[in-house]
Each structure stands twice: as structure tokens, then as C-alpha cells.
Amino acid sequence: MRGVGFPCRCIMDNLGYIAAFLTTFAFIPQAIKTIRTRDTSGLSLAMYACLTVGIFFWLMHGLNKQDYALIGANGATLLLALPIFLIILSNERAARRALKEKSRAQ
């Protein structure tokens, strides 16, 4: 099935690089907003946990294959997604602590 219907492998490679660039840098606005505001009220901890682990595994796969496109795209995406995940985790823990303290005070 590889290459079926496409006249040049280089076209598909270039489409892959463009896709990697777009999907990686799509995280920039969310990362900037989350890091600046620390507001994660609309973000899912479970989703970002799965996403971050998945990106890490893709990075390991790229390193194993010595595929620089996979390494670059997933390395950059991990650098953008990991801080968001850590801020969500921190906010969730703080909310749980506040809830415990509130219930103790009553």
C-alpha cells in the first residue's frame, strides 16, 4: 500500500513534515495561555496525561528508528505539552487540598 497513488515519495515526505510542523506548533497558543494564566479549568487531566505519555512514546520510537522528523516533532510537542500537564496536575492537587481544608473547617 506504500506510495500507492502518489507520483513522488518526496511529495509525501514534504506533506509529513508540514503535518508535523502544524500539529506540533498548534500547541503554542495553549501553552502560552496556560503558562501565563495558570488557568486549566477547561482542560482534562486524563487527556493531557494520556497525550503526554503518548508523545513521549512517539519520541522514544523516533529515537529508536533514528527518524529525525519523529524526534523533532515529538520532542518539540513534549516540551509544549508537558508544562500544560504539570500545571493541570498542580491545580488539581491544590483544588483537592482546598476542598479537604474546607470540609475540615465545617
N, C-alpha and C. Protein backbone atom coordinates (compact mmCIF):
# COMPACT_ATOMS: atom_id res chain seq x y z
N MET A 1 0.82 -1.18 0.00
CA MET A 1 0.00 0.00 0.00
C MET A 1 0.87 1.25 0.00
N ARG A 2 2.11 1.10 0.35
CA ARG A 2 3.02 2.24 0.47
C ARG A 2 3.20 2.95 -0.87
N GLY A 3 2.93 4.24 -0.87
CA GLY A 3 3.17 5.04 -2.05
C GLY A 3 2.14 4.90 -3.15
N VAL A 4 1.09 4.14 -2.90
CA VAL A 4 0.08 3.90 -3.94
C VAL A 4 -0.63 5.21 -4.27
N GLY A 5 -0.66 5.55 -5.55
CA GLY A 5 -1.39 6.72 -6.00
C GLY A 5 -0.63 8.03 -5.91
N PHE A 6 0.59 8.02 -5.44
CA PHE A 6 1.37 9.25 -5.33
C PHE A 6 2.60 9.15 -6.22
N PRO A 7 2.80 10.15 -7.09
CA PRO A 7 3.87 10.07 -8.09
C PRO A 7 5.27 10.18 -7.50
N CYS A 8 5.41 10.82 -6.38
CA CYS A 8 6.76 11.06 -5.86
C CYS A 8 6.77 10.93 -4.35
N ARG A 9 7.67 10.10 -3.86
CA ARG A 9 7.80 9.92 -2.42
C ARG A 9 8.15 11.23 -1.73
N CYS A 10 8.89 12.10 -2.42
CA CYS A 10 9.29 13.36 -1.80
C CYS A 10 8.09 14.25 -1.50
N ILE A 11 7.03 14.14 -2.30
CA ILE A 11 5.81 14.90 -2.02
C ILE A 11 5.21 14.44 -0.70
N MET A 12 5.14 13.15 -0.50
CA MET A 12 4.58 12.62 0.74
C MET A 12 5.46 12.96 1.93
N ASP A 13 6.78 12.90 1.75
CA ASP A 13 7.68 13.29 2.82
C ASP A 13 7.46 14.75 3.21
N ASN A 14 7.34 15.60 2.21
CA ASN A 14 7.11 17.03 2.49
C ASN A 14 5.76 17.25 3.17
N LEU A 15 4.73 16.52 2.75
CA LEU A 15 3.44 16.62 3.44
C LEU A 15 3.57 16.18 4.90
N GLY A 16 4.36 15.15 5.14
CA GLY A 16 4.60 14.69 6.50
C GLY A 16 5.29 15.74 7.35
N TYR A 17 6.28 16.43 6.78
CA TYR A 17 6.97 17.49 7.52
C TYR A 17 6.03 18.66 7.81
N ILE A 18 5.20 19.00 6.84
CA ILE A 18 4.24 20.09 7.04
C ILE A 18 3.24 19.70 8.14
N ALA A 19 2.75 18.47 8.09
CA ALA A 19 1.81 17.99 9.11
C ALA A 19 2.46 18.00 10.49
N ALA A 20 3.71 17.54 10.58
CA ALA A 20 4.42 17.53 11.86
C ALA A 20 4.57 18.95 12.39
N PHE A 21 4.93 19.88 11.52
CA PHE A 21 5.08 21.27 11.92
C PHE A 21 3.76 21.83 12.45
N LEU A 22 2.69 21.63 11.69
CA LEU A 22 1.39 22.20 12.07
C LEU A 22 0.85 21.60 13.37
N THR A 23 0.91 20.27 13.50
CA THR A 23 0.37 19.66 14.71
C THR A 23 1.23 19.95 15.94
N THR A 24 2.52 20.11 15.74
CA THR A 24 3.39 20.45 16.86
C THR A 24 3.15 21.88 17.33
N PHE A 25 3.18 22.80 16.41
CA PHE A 25 3.08 24.20 16.79
C PHE A 25 1.66 24.65 17.07
N ALA A 26 0.69 23.77 16.87
CA ALA A 26 -0.68 24.06 17.29
C ALA A 26 -0.76 24.16 18.81
N PHE A 27 0.21 23.58 19.51
CA PHE A 27 0.23 23.64 20.97
C PHE A 27 0.71 24.98 21.52
N ILE A 28 1.36 25.77 20.72
CA ILE A 28 1.94 27.02 21.21
C ILE A 28 0.91 27.95 21.86
N PRO A 29 -0.22 28.26 21.22
CA PRO A 29 -1.17 29.17 21.87
C PRO A 29 -1.67 28.64 23.22
N GLN A 30 -1.97 27.34 23.30
CA GLN A 30 -2.45 26.77 24.56
C GLN A 30 -1.36 26.80 25.62
N ALA A 31 -0.14 26.49 25.24
CA ALA A 31 0.97 26.51 26.20
C ALA A 31 1.19 27.92 26.73
N ILE A 32 1.21 28.90 25.85
CA ILE A 32 1.42 30.29 26.29
C ILE A 32 0.31 30.72 27.24
N LYS A 33 -0.93 30.46 26.85
CA LYS A 33 -2.07 30.87 27.69
C LYS A 33 -2.04 30.19 29.05
N THR A 34 -1.78 28.89 29.07
CA THR A 34 -1.79 28.14 30.32
C THR A 34 -0.63 28.55 31.22
N ILE A 35 0.54 28.74 30.65
CA ILE A 35 1.70 29.13 31.45
C ILE A 35 1.50 30.54 32.02
N ARG A 36 0.96 31.45 31.22
CA ARG A 36 0.75 32.83 31.68
C ARG A 36 -0.34 32.93 32.74
N THR A 37 -1.48 32.28 32.50
CA THR A 37 -2.64 32.46 33.38
C THR A 37 -2.74 31.39 34.46
N ARG A 38 -2.11 30.25 34.25
CA ARG A 38 -2.23 29.08 35.13
C ARG A 38 -3.67 28.56 35.19
N ASP A 39 -4.53 29.03 34.29
CA ASP A 39 -5.93 28.62 34.25
C ASP A 39 -6.06 27.34 33.44
N THR A 40 -6.47 26.28 34.11
CA THR A 40 -6.65 24.99 33.44
C THR A 40 -8.08 24.48 33.60
N SER A 41 -8.99 25.37 33.91
CA SER A 41 -10.36 24.96 34.23
C SER A 41 -11.04 24.21 33.09
N GLY A 42 -10.69 24.46 31.87
CA GLY A 42 -11.32 23.77 30.75
C GLY A 42 -10.51 22.62 30.19
N LEU A 43 -9.43 22.24 30.88
CA LEU A 43 -8.53 21.21 30.37
C LEU A 43 -8.66 19.93 31.20
N SER A 44 -8.55 18.80 30.55
CA SER A 44 -8.71 17.50 31.19
C SER A 44 -7.36 16.92 31.60
N LEU A 45 -7.24 16.57 32.88
CA LEU A 45 -6.03 15.94 33.38
C LEU A 45 -5.80 14.59 32.69
N ALA A 46 -6.86 13.79 32.57
CA ALA A 46 -6.72 12.46 31.95
C ALA A 46 -6.27 12.58 30.50
N MET A 47 -6.84 13.53 29.77
CA MET A 47 -6.47 13.71 28.37
C MET A 47 -5.01 14.11 28.25
N TYR A 48 -4.58 15.09 29.04
CA TYR A 48 -3.19 15.54 28.94
C TYR A 48 -2.21 14.49 29.47
N ALA A 49 -2.62 13.67 30.43
CA ALA A 49 -1.76 12.58 30.90
C ALA A 49 -1.53 11.58 29.76
N CYS A 50 -2.62 11.16 29.12
CA CYS A 50 -2.50 10.21 28.00
C CYS A 50 -1.71 10.82 26.85
N LEU A 51 -2.00 12.06 26.52
CA LEU A 51 -1.31 12.74 25.42
C LEU A 51 0.19 12.84 25.70
N THR A 52 0.55 13.26 26.90
CA THR A 52 1.96 13.45 27.23
C THR A 52 2.72 12.13 27.20
N VAL A 53 2.13 11.08 27.75
CA VAL A 53 2.77 9.76 27.71
C VAL A 53 2.87 9.27 26.26
N GLY A 54 1.82 9.46 25.48
CA GLY A 54 1.85 9.06 24.08
C GLY A 54 2.92 9.79 23.28
N ILE A 55 3.05 11.09 23.51
CA ILE A 55 4.09 11.87 22.84
C ILE A 55 5.47 11.35 23.23
N PHE A 56 5.65 11.06 24.52
CA PHE A 56 6.93 10.52 24.99
C PHE A 56 7.25 9.21 24.28
N PHE A 57 6.26 8.33 24.16
CA PHE A 57 6.49 7.05 23.48
C PHE A 57 6.81 7.26 22.00
N TRP A 58 6.13 8.22 21.33
CA TRP A 58 6.46 8.53 19.94
C TRP A 58 7.89 9.04 19.83
N LEU A 59 8.32 9.84 20.80
CA LEU A 59 9.69 10.33 20.81
C LEU A 59 10.67 9.17 20.95
N MET A 60 10.39 8.23 21.86
CA MET A 60 11.25 7.06 22.03
C MET A 60 11.29 6.23 20.74
N HIS A 61 10.15 6.08 20.10
CA HIS A 61 10.07 5.35 18.83
C HIS A 61 10.93 6.04 17.76
N GLY A 62 10.83 7.36 17.69
CA GLY A 62 11.64 8.11 16.73
C GLY A 62 13.13 7.97 16.99
N LEU A 63 13.50 8.01 18.28
CA LEU A 63 14.91 7.83 18.64
C LEU A 63 15.39 6.44 18.24
N ASN A 64 14.56 5.43 18.49
CA ASN A 64 14.92 4.06 18.14
C ASN A 64 15.10 3.90 16.63
N LYS A 65 14.23 4.54 15.85
CA LYS A 65 14.31 4.44 14.39
C LYS A 65 15.29 5.45 13.79
N GLN A 66 15.81 6.34 14.60
CA GLN A 66 16.66 7.44 14.14
C GLN A 66 15.95 8.26 13.06
N ASP A 67 14.67 8.52 13.31
CA ASP A 67 13.82 9.29 12.40
C ASP A 67 13.76 10.71 12.92
N TYR A 68 14.48 11.61 12.26
CA TYR A 68 14.62 12.97 12.77
C TYR A 68 13.32 13.76 12.74
N ALA A 69 12.44 13.44 11.82
CA ALA A 69 11.13 14.11 11.80
C ALA A 69 10.32 13.73 13.03
N LEU A 70 10.30 12.44 13.37
CA LEU A 70 9.59 12.00 14.58
C LEU A 70 10.24 12.57 15.83
N ILE A 71 11.55 12.58 15.86
CA ILE A 71 12.26 13.10 17.03
C ILE A 71 11.98 14.58 17.20
N GLY A 72 12.12 15.34 16.14
CA GLY A 72 11.91 16.79 16.22
C GLY A 72 10.49 17.16 16.58
N ALA A 73 9.54 16.57 15.88
CA ALA A 73 8.13 16.90 16.11
C ALA A 73 7.69 16.51 17.52
N ASN A 74 8.03 15.31 17.93
CA ASN A 74 7.58 14.85 19.24
C ASN A 74 8.39 15.45 20.38
N GLY A 75 9.65 15.75 20.15
CA GLY A 75 10.43 16.46 21.16
C GLY A 75 9.87 17.84 21.42
N ALA A 76 9.57 18.56 20.35
CA ALA A 76 9.00 19.91 20.49
C ALA A 76 7.61 19.85 21.11
N THR A 77 6.80 18.89 20.67
CA THR A 77 5.45 18.76 21.22
C THR A 77 5.49 18.42 22.71
N LEU A 78 6.42 17.57 23.09
CA LEU A 78 6.56 17.22 24.50
C LEU A 78 6.94 18.44 25.33
N LEU A 79 7.83 19.27 24.80
CA LEU A 79 8.22 20.49 25.51
C LEU A 79 7.05 21.46 25.67
N LEU A 80 6.09 21.40 24.77
CA LEU A 80 4.91 22.27 24.87
C LEU A 80 3.80 21.65 25.72
N ALA A 81 3.60 20.34 25.62
CA ALA A 81 2.51 19.67 26.32
C ALA A 81 2.84 19.38 27.78
N LEU A 82 4.10 19.08 28.08
CA LEU A 82 4.47 18.72 29.45
C LEU A 82 4.19 19.83 30.46
N PRO A 83 4.55 21.08 30.19
CA PRO A 83 4.22 22.13 31.17
C PRO A 83 2.72 22.28 31.40
N ILE A 84 1.93 22.12 30.35
CA ILE A 84 0.47 22.20 30.50
C ILE A 84 0.01 21.08 31.43
N PHE A 85 0.48 19.87 31.19
CA PHE A 85 0.12 18.73 32.03
C PHE A 85 0.51 18.98 33.49
N LEU A 86 1.71 19.48 33.71
CA LEU A 86 2.17 19.71 35.09
C LEU A 86 1.36 20.80 35.78
N ILE A 87 0.97 21.83 35.06
CA ILE A 87 0.13 22.88 35.65
C ILE A 87 -1.26 22.34 35.98
N ILE A 88 -1.83 21.53 35.08
CA ILE A 88 -3.13 20.91 35.37
C ILE A 88 -3.02 20.06 36.62
N LEU A 89 -1.97 19.24 36.71
CA LEU A 89 -1.77 18.37 37.87
C LEU A 89 -1.63 19.19 39.14
N SER A 90 -0.87 20.26 39.10
CA SER A 90 -0.69 21.13 40.26
C SER A 90 -2.01 21.77 40.69
N ASN A 91 -2.77 22.24 39.71
CA ASN A 91 -4.07 22.86 40.02
C ASN A 91 -5.06 21.86 40.60
N GLU A 92 -5.06 20.64 40.08
CA GLU A 92 -5.95 19.60 40.60
C GLU A 92 -5.60 19.27 42.05
N ARG A 93 -4.31 19.15 42.33
CA ARG A 93 -3.88 18.86 43.71
C ARG A 93 -4.25 20.00 44.65
N ALA A 94 -4.05 21.24 44.21
CA ALA A 94 -4.39 22.40 45.04
C ALA A 94 -5.89 22.45 45.30
N ALA A 95 -6.69 22.12 44.31
CA ALA A 95 -8.15 22.12 44.48
C ALA A 95 -8.57 21.04 45.48
N ARG A 96 -7.94 19.87 45.41
CA ARG A 96 -8.25 18.80 46.37
C ARG A 96 -7.87 19.20 47.79
N ARG A 97 -6.70 19.82 47.94
CA ARG A 97 -6.27 20.28 49.27
C ARG A 97 -7.24 21.32 49.82
N ALA A 98 -7.65 22.26 48.99
CA ALA A 98 -8.58 23.31 49.42
C ALA A 98 -9.92 22.70 49.83
N LEU A 99 -10.37 21.69 49.10
CA LEU A 99 -11.63 21.04 49.43
C LEU A 99 -11.52 20.31 50.77
N LYS A 100 -10.39 19.65 51.02
CA LYS A 100 -10.19 18.97 52.30
C LYS A 100 -10.17 19.97 53.45
N GLU A 101 -9.47 21.08 53.27
CA GLU A 101 -9.41 22.09 54.32
C GLU A 101 -10.77 22.71 54.58
N LYS A 102 -11.54 22.90 53.53
CA LYS A 102 -12.88 23.47 53.67
C LYS A 102 -13.79 22.52 54.44
N SER A 103 -13.68 21.21 54.14
CA SER A 103 -14.53 20.24 54.83
C SER A 103 -14.11 20.08 56.29
N ARG A 104 -12.85 20.25 56.60
CA ARG A 104 -12.38 20.20 57.99
C ARG A 104 -12.87 21.40 58.79
N ALA A 105 -12.94 22.54 58.14
CA ALA A 105 -13.35 23.78 58.81
C ALA A 105 -14.84 23.76 59.17
N GLN A 106 -15.61 22.95 58.48
CA GLN A 106 -17.06 22.93 58.74
C GLN A 106 -17.38 22.03 59.84
